[in-house]
Amino acid sequence: MVGAHEISFSLCDSLSELEQIKTLQSANLKSLLEPEEQEREGFVTAVYSIDLLKKMNDHHRAILAKVGGRVVGYSLVVSPAFTGHHPLLDDLIYNCNLLSFKGRKLESCTYIVVGQLCVDKAFRKRGVAQGLYGHFQKTYAQTFEYCVTDVDRKNTRSLKTHRSKGFTVIGTLTYGGAFWDVVLWEWRN
């Protein structure tokens, strides 16, 4: 069994790592999981092609959790300037720009978006998501005031994880017939 101390966090820098992200994404897609497993384990919704993952990574490198050479978790990083590539991301960014936090419209702030976060089932409940977010903050907090993402309301596991890291619900949106909470993590108080 691998201990939490054997998990390392880094930035994605190879096609092999992007392919491992794609494999992990595919294994956790909501559309492929039974409802009981969705509720118990959580899920990811968006499907990103290898080509799109590469474009995202070229723009802002993804955060990885690895054991040896194996990717066991990832967090995709998207800036509001990265639009026109995926309808869910476009909708999230559009809606974020309409929202306010502490009296300021987000479109006038510097924020970065979590395009997707996923942890291999065998590595859950070991602090991997918290480690991914810690590395995310360490890497991007000097440039951005806030970290923002959306969570499908049916993904209670994910919402709990985000709240435990300090994310606050600042709005809602509807996409693909589902209701989403828009959550924000304030990096500069």
C-alpha atoms as a PDB file:
ATOM      1  CA  MET A   1       0.000   0.000   0.000  1.00  0.00           C
ATOM      2  CA  VAL A   2       1.302   3.438  -0.947  1.00  0.00           C
ATOM      3  CA  GLY A   3       1.416   6.005   1.842  1.00  0.00           C
ATOM      4  CA  ALA A   4       0.470   9.654   1.431  1.00  0.00           C
ATOM      5  CA  HIS A   5       4.145  10.607   1.793  1.00  0.00           C
ATOM      6  CA  GLU A   6       4.935   8.687  -1.414  1.00  0.00           C
ATOM      7  CA  ILE A   7       2.582  10.841  -3.481  1.00  0.00           C
ATOM      8  CA  SER A   8       4.333  13.725  -5.216  1.00  0.00           C
ATOM      9  CA  PHE A   9       2.796  16.825  -6.767  1.00  0.00           C
ATOM     10  CA  SER A  10       4.089  18.467  -9.918  1.00  0.00           C
ATOM     11  CA  LEU A  11       3.127  20.217 -13.131  1.00  0.00           C
ATOM     12  CA  CYS A  12       2.185  18.238 -16.227  1.00  0.00           C
ATOM     13  CA  ASP A  13       4.955  18.289 -18.798  1.00  0.00           C
ATOM     14  CA  SER A  14       4.517  15.338 -21.153  1.00  0.00           C
ATOM     15  CA  LEU A  15       2.109  13.740 -23.586  1.00  0.00           C
ATOM     16  CA  SER A  16       2.309  10.535 -21.537  1.00  0.00           C
ATOM     17  CA  GLU A  17       0.984  12.406 -18.495  1.00  0.00           C
ATOM     18  CA  LEU A  18      -1.834  13.939 -20.569  1.00  0.00           C
ATOM     19  CA  GLU A  19      -2.750  10.440 -21.764  1.00  0.00           C
ATOM     20  CA  GLN A  20      -2.861   9.270 -18.137  1.00  0.00           C
ATOM     21  CA  ILE A  21      -5.136  12.219 -17.307  1.00  0.00           C
ATOM     22  CA  LYS A  22      -7.431  11.155 -20.151  1.00  0.00           C
ATOM     23  CA  THR A  23      -7.494   7.548 -18.879  1.00  0.00           C
ATOM     24  CA  LEU A  24      -8.328   8.663 -15.331  1.00  0.00           C
ATOM     25  CA  GLN A  25     -10.994  11.046 -16.652  1.00  0.00           C
ATOM     26  CA  SER A  26     -12.607   8.282 -18.722  1.00  0.00           C
ATOM     27  CA  ALA A  27     -12.731   5.915 -15.736  1.00  0.00           C
ATOM     28  CA  ASN A  28     -14.648   8.494 -13.676  1.00  0.00           C
ATOM     29  CA  LEU A  29     -17.143   9.929 -16.157  1.00  0.00           C
ATOM     30  CA  LYS A  30     -20.624  10.411 -14.758  1.00  0.00           C
ATOM     31  CA  SER A  31     -22.139   9.016 -17.953  1.00  0.00           C
ATOM     32  CA  LEU A  32     -20.344   5.683 -17.410  1.00  0.00           C
ATOM     33  CA  LEU A  33     -21.011   5.217 -13.687  1.00  0.00           C
ATOM     34  CA  GLU A  34     -24.044   3.746 -11.966  1.00  0.00           C
ATOM     35  CA  PRO A  35     -25.998   6.246  -9.799  1.00  0.00           C
ATOM     36  CA  GLU A  36     -24.914   4.499  -6.576  1.00  0.00           C
ATOM     37  CA  GLU A  37     -21.252   4.786  -7.553  1.00  0.00           C
ATOM     38  CA  GLN A  38     -21.717   8.436  -8.554  1.00  0.00           C
ATOM     39  CA  GLU A  39     -23.089   9.198  -5.104  1.00  0.00           C
ATOM     40  CA  ARG A  40     -20.475   7.146  -3.246  1.00  0.00           C
ATOM     41  CA  GLU A  41     -17.365   8.034  -5.260  1.00  0.00           C
ATOM     42  CA  GLY A  42     -18.132  11.306  -7.037  1.00  0.00           C
ATOM     43  CA  PHE A  43     -17.587  11.815 -10.749  1.00  0.00           C
ATOM     44  CA  VAL A  44     -16.365  14.095 -13.515  1.00  0.00           C
ATOM     45  CA  THR A  45     -18.745  15.409 -16.146  1.00  0.00           C
ATOM     46  CA  ALA A  46     -16.782  17.072 -18.936  1.00  0.00           C
ATOM     47  CA  VAL A  47     -15.056  15.015 -21.607  1.00  0.00           C
ATOM     48  CA  TYR A  48     -11.826  16.576 -22.872  1.00  0.00           C
ATOM     49  CA  SER A  49      -9.962  15.162 -25.863  1.00  0.00           C
ATOM     50  CA  ILE A  50      -6.187  14.695 -25.795  1.00  0.00           C
ATOM     51  CA  ASP A  51      -5.930  17.604 -28.247  1.00  0.00           C
ATOM     52  CA  LEU A  52      -7.892  19.888 -25.910  1.00  0.00           C
ATOM     53  CA  LEU A  53      -5.953  18.679 -22.864  1.00  0.00           C
ATOM     54  CA  LYS A  54      -2.745  19.601 -24.713  1.00  0.00           C
ATOM     55  CA  LYS A  55      -4.093  23.079 -25.557  1.00  0.00           C
ATOM     56  CA  MET A  56      -5.127  23.599 -21.933  1.00  0.00           C
ATOM     57  CA  ASN A  57      -1.745  22.439 -20.681  1.00  0.00           C
ATOM     58  CA  ASP A  58       0.101  24.666 -23.154  1.00  0.00           C
ATOM     59  CA  HIS A  59      -1.860  27.632 -21.763  1.00  0.00           C
ATOM     60  CA  HIS A  60      -1.551  26.734 -18.039  1.00  0.00           C
ATOM     61  CA  ARG A  61       0.036  23.492 -16.895  1.00  0.00           C
ATOM     62  CA  ALA A  62      -2.146  20.989 -15.062  1.00  0.00           C
ATOM     63  CA  ILE A  63      -1.358  19.946 -11.500  1.00  0.00           C
ATOM     64  CA  LEU A  64      -0.563  16.249 -11.048  1.00  0.00           C
ATOM     65  CA  ALA A  65      -0.463  13.830  -8.134  1.00  0.00           C
ATOM     66  CA  LYS A  66       1.888  10.972  -8.959  1.00  0.00           C
ATOM     67  CA  VAL A  67       3.179   7.782  -7.441  1.00  0.00           C
ATOM     68  CA  GLY A  68       6.360   6.959  -9.272  1.00  0.00           C
ATOM     69  CA  GLY A  69       5.550   7.669 -12.906  1.00  0.00           C
ATOM     70  CA  ARG A  70       1.828   7.007 -12.528  1.00  0.00           C
ATOM     71  CA  VAL A  71      -0.700   9.862 -12.450  1.00  0.00           C
ATOM     72  CA  VAL A  72      -3.149   9.187  -9.590  1.00  0.00           C
ATOM     73  CA  GLY A  73      -4.833  12.583  -9.585  1.00  0.00           C
ATOM     74  CA  TYR A  74      -4.984  15.783 -11.570  1.00  0.00           C
ATOM     75  CA  SER A  75      -6.376  19.276 -11.604  1.00  0.00           C
ATOM     76  CA  LEU A  76      -6.835  21.019 -14.950  1.00  0.00           C
ATOM     77  CA  VAL A  77      -6.033  24.734 -14.966  1.00  0.00           C
ATOM     78  CA  VAL A  78      -7.951  27.177 -17.184  1.00  0.00           C
ATOM     79  CA  SER A  79      -7.787  30.968 -17.315  1.00  0.00           C
ATOM     80  CA  PRO A  80     -10.814  33.056 -18.328  1.00  0.00           C
ATOM     81  CA  ALA A  81      -8.961  33.883 -21.566  1.00  0.00           C
ATOM     82  CA  PHE A  82      -9.196  30.217 -22.623  1.00  0.00           C
ATOM     83  CA  THR A  83     -12.606  30.316 -24.263  1.00  0.00           C
ATOM     84  CA  GLY A  84     -14.071  28.849 -27.413  1.00  0.00           C
ATOM     85  CA  HIS A  85     -12.779  25.333 -26.802  1.00  0.00           C
ATOM     86  CA  HIS A  86     -15.436  23.595 -24.668  1.00  0.00           C
ATOM     87  CA  PRO A  87     -19.064  24.610 -23.999  1.00  0.00           C
ATOM     88  CA  LEU A  88     -19.021  23.788 -20.267  1.00  0.00           C
ATOM     89  CA  LEU A  89     -15.877  25.854 -19.688  1.00  0.00           C
ATOM     90  CA  ASP A  90     -17.253  28.697 -21.812  1.00  0.00           C
ATOM     91  CA  ASP A  91     -20.509  28.674 -19.849  1.00  0.00           C
ATOM     92  CA  LEU A  92     -18.668  28.629 -16.525  1.00  0.00           C
ATOM     93  CA  ILE A  93     -16.392  31.531 -17.485  1.00  0.00           C
ATOM     94  CA  TYR A  94     -19.303  33.545 -18.900  1.00  0.00           C
ATOM     95  CA  ASN A  95     -21.305  33.038 -15.694  1.00  0.00           C
ATOM     96  CA  CYS A  96     -18.305  33.709 -13.433  1.00  0.00           C
ATOM     97  CA  ASN A  97     -17.803  37.065 -15.109  1.00  0.00           C
ATOM     98  CA  LEU A  98     -21.382  37.989 -14.147  1.00  0.00           C
ATOM     99  CA  LEU A  99     -20.899  37.070 -10.473  1.00  0.00           C
ATOM    100  CA  SER A 100     -19.582  39.271  -7.684  1.00  0.00           C
ATOM    101  CA  PHE A 101     -17.558  38.457  -4.599  1.00  0.00           C
ATOM    102  CA  LYS A 102     -17.186  40.952  -1.736  1.00  0.00           C
ATOM    103  CA  GLY A 103     -18.743  43.651  -3.901  1.00  0.00           C
ATOM    104  CA  ARG A 104     -16.453  43.150  -6.918  1.00  0.00           C
ATOM    105  CA  LYS A 105     -17.508  41.625 -10.230  1.00  0.00           C
ATOM    106  CA  LEU A 106     -15.266  38.671 -11.036  1.00  0.00           C
ATOM    107  CA  GLU A 107     -14.686  39.939 -14.565  1.00  0.00           C
ATOM    108  CA  SER A 108     -12.674  42.796 -12.997  1.00  0.00           C
ATOM    109  CA  CYS A 109     -10.639  40.380 -10.836  1.00  0.00           C
ATOM    110  CA  THR A 110      -7.846  37.954 -11.561  1.00  0.00           C
ATOM    111  CA  TYR A 111      -9.097  34.410 -11.203  1.00  0.00           C
ATOM    112  CA  ILE A 112      -8.166  30.971 -12.448  1.00  0.00           C
ATOM    113  CA  VAL A 113     -10.581  28.109 -13.090  1.00  0.00           C
ATOM    114  CA  VAL A 114     -10.306  24.479 -12.082  1.00  0.00           C
ATOM    115  CA  GLY A 115     -11.344  22.842 -15.359  1.00  0.00           C
ATOM    116  CA  GLN A 116     -11.621  19.457 -13.651  1.00  0.00           C
ATOM    117  CA  LEU A 117     -10.183  17.642 -10.655  1.00  0.00           C
ATOM    118  CA  CYS A 118     -10.080  13.873 -10.337  1.00  0.00           C
ATOM    119  CA  VAL A 119      -8.403  11.368  -8.028  1.00  0.00           C
ATOM    120  CA  ASP A 120      -7.962   7.669  -8.773  1.00  0.00           C
ATOM    121  CA  LYS A 121     -10.411   5.628  -6.660  1.00  0.00           C
ATOM    122  CA  ALA A 122      -7.559   3.689  -5.054  1.00  0.00           C
ATOM    123  CA  PHE A 123      -6.047   6.949  -3.751  1.00  0.00           C
ATOM    124  CA  ARG A 124      -9.116   8.696  -2.353  1.00  0.00           C
ATOM    125  CA  LYS A 125      -9.351   9.671   1.316  1.00  0.00           C
ATOM    126  CA  ARG A 126      -5.566  10.100   1.441  1.00  0.00           C
ATOM    127  CA  GLY A 127      -5.412  13.870   1.085  1.00  0.00           C
ATOM    128  CA  VAL A 128      -4.701  13.799  -2.655  1.00  0.00           C
ATOM    129  CA  ALA A 129      -7.361  16.387  -3.563  1.00  0.00           C
ATOM    130  CA  GLN A 130      -6.092  18.648  -0.767  1.00  0.00           C
ATOM    131  CA  GLY A 131      -2.528  18.153  -2.028  1.00  0.00           C
ATOM    132  CA  LEU A 132      -3.552  18.989  -5.589  1.00  0.00           C
ATOM    133  CA  TYR A 133      -5.204  22.183  -4.394  1.00  0.00           C
ATOM    134  CA  GLY A 134      -2.199  23.042  -2.229  1.00  0.00           C
ATOM    135  CA  HIS A 135       0.110  22.729  -5.235  1.00  0.00           C
ATOM    136  CA  PHE A 136      -2.424  24.611  -7.372  1.00  0.00           C
ATOM    137  CA  GLN A 137      -2.352  27.518  -4.903  1.00  0.00           C
ATOM    138  CA  LYS A 138       1.444  27.430  -4.565  1.00  0.00           C
ATOM    139  CA  THR A 139       1.810  27.568  -8.352  1.00  0.00           C
ATOM    140  CA  TYR A 140      -0.826  30.154  -9.263  1.00  0.00           C
ATOM    141  CA  ALA A 141      -1.645  32.349  -6.214  1.00  0.00           C
ATOM    142  CA  GLN A 142       1.014  34.943  -7.062  1.00  0.00           C
ATOM    143  CA  THR A 143      -0.813  35.694 -10.323  1.00  0.00           C
ATOM    144  CA  PHE A 144      -4.476  35.171  -9.401  1.00  0.00           C
ATOM    145  CA  GLU A 145      -6.659  36.424  -6.532  1.00  0.00           C
ATOM    146  CA  TYR A 146      -9.175  33.598  -6.683  1.00  0.00           C
ATOM    147  CA  CYS A 147      -9.593  30.010  -7.736  1.00  0.00           C
ATOM    148  CA  VAL A 148     -13.063  29.236  -9.117  1.00  0.00           C
ATOM    149  CA  THR A 149     -14.845  26.110 -10.290  1.00  0.00           C
ATOM    150  CA  ASP A 150     -18.307  24.619 -10.533  1.00  0.00           C
ATOM    151  CA  VAL A 151     -19.618  21.467  -8.909  1.00  0.00           C
ATOM    152  CA  ASP A 152     -22.634  19.463 -10.044  1.00  0.00           C
ATOM    153  CA  ARG A 153     -25.039  19.594  -7.086  1.00  0.00           C
ATOM    154  CA  LYS A 154     -25.485  15.826  -7.328  1.00  0.00           C
ATOM    155  CA  ASN A 155     -21.751  15.421  -6.708  1.00  0.00           C
ATOM    156  CA  THR A 156     -21.987  15.802  -2.939  1.00  0.00           C
ATOM    157  CA  ARG A 157     -18.570  14.234  -2.398  1.00  0.00           C
ATOM    158  CA  SER A 158     -16.921  16.911  -4.542  1.00  0.00           C
ATOM    159  CA  LEU A 159     -18.812  19.764  -2.912  1.00  0.00           C
ATOM    160  CA  LYS A 160     -17.751  18.508   0.534  1.00  0.00           C
ATOM    161  CA  THR A 161     -14.109  18.346  -0.618  1.00  0.00           C
ATOM    162  CA  HIS A 162     -14.246  21.889  -1.981  1.00  0.00           C
ATOM    163  CA  ARG A 163     -15.842  23.295   1.165  1.00  0.00           C
ATOM    164  CA  SER A 164     -13.211  21.609   3.340  1.00  0.00           C
ATOM    165  CA  LYS A 165     -10.498  23.380   1.330  1.00  0.00           C
ATOM    166  CA  GLY A 166     -12.131  26.766   1.887  1.00  0.00           C
ATOM    167  CA  PHE A 167     -14.245  27.217  -1.227  1.00  0.00           C
ATOM    168  CA  THR A 168     -17.430  29.277  -0.807  1.00  0.00           C
ATOM    169  CA  VAL A 169     -20.549  28.958  -2.966  1.00  0.00           C
ATOM    170  CA  ILE A 170     -20.964  32.292  -4.786  1.00  0.00           C
ATOM    171  CA  GLY A 171     -23.580  31.404  -7.395  1.00  0.00           C
ATOM    172  CA  THR A 172     -25.335  28.750  -9.409  1.00  0.00           C
ATOM    173  CA  LEU A 173     -25.710  27.866 -13.055  1.00  0.00           C
ATOM    174  CA  THR A 174     -27.590  25.349 -15.128  1.00  0.00           C
ATOM    175  CA  TYR A 175     -25.823  23.324 -17.788  1.00  0.00           C
ATOM    176  CA  GLY A 176     -26.757  20.094 -19.530  1.00  0.00           C
ATOM    177  CA  GLY A 177     -29.920  19.721 -17.472  1.00  0.00           C
ATOM    178  CA  ALA A 178     -27.971  19.810 -14.193  1.00  0.00           C
ATOM    179  CA  PHE A 179     -27.669  22.447 -11.490  1.00  0.00           C
ATOM    180  CA  TRP A 180     -24.147  23.530 -10.569  1.00  0.00           C
ATOM    181  CA  ASP A 181     -22.777  25.487  -7.622  1.00  0.00           C
ATOM    182  CA  VAL A 182     -20.081  27.992  -8.567  1.00  0.00           C
ATOM    183  CA  VAL A 183     -17.481  27.942  -5.796  1.00  0.00           C
ATOM    184  CA  LEU A 184     -14.614  30.337  -5.091  1.00  0.00           C
ATOM    185  CA  TRP A 185     -11.448  29.983  -3.028  1.00  0.00           C
ATOM    186  CA  GLU A 186     -10.052  33.339  -1.932  1.00  0.00           C
ATOM    187  CA  TRP A 187      -6.253  33.376  -2.056  1.00  0.00           C
ATOM    188  CA  ARG A 188      -5.675  36.985  -0.984  1.00  0.00           C
ATOM    189  CA  ASN A 189      -7.591  38.219   2.053  1.00  0.00           C
END
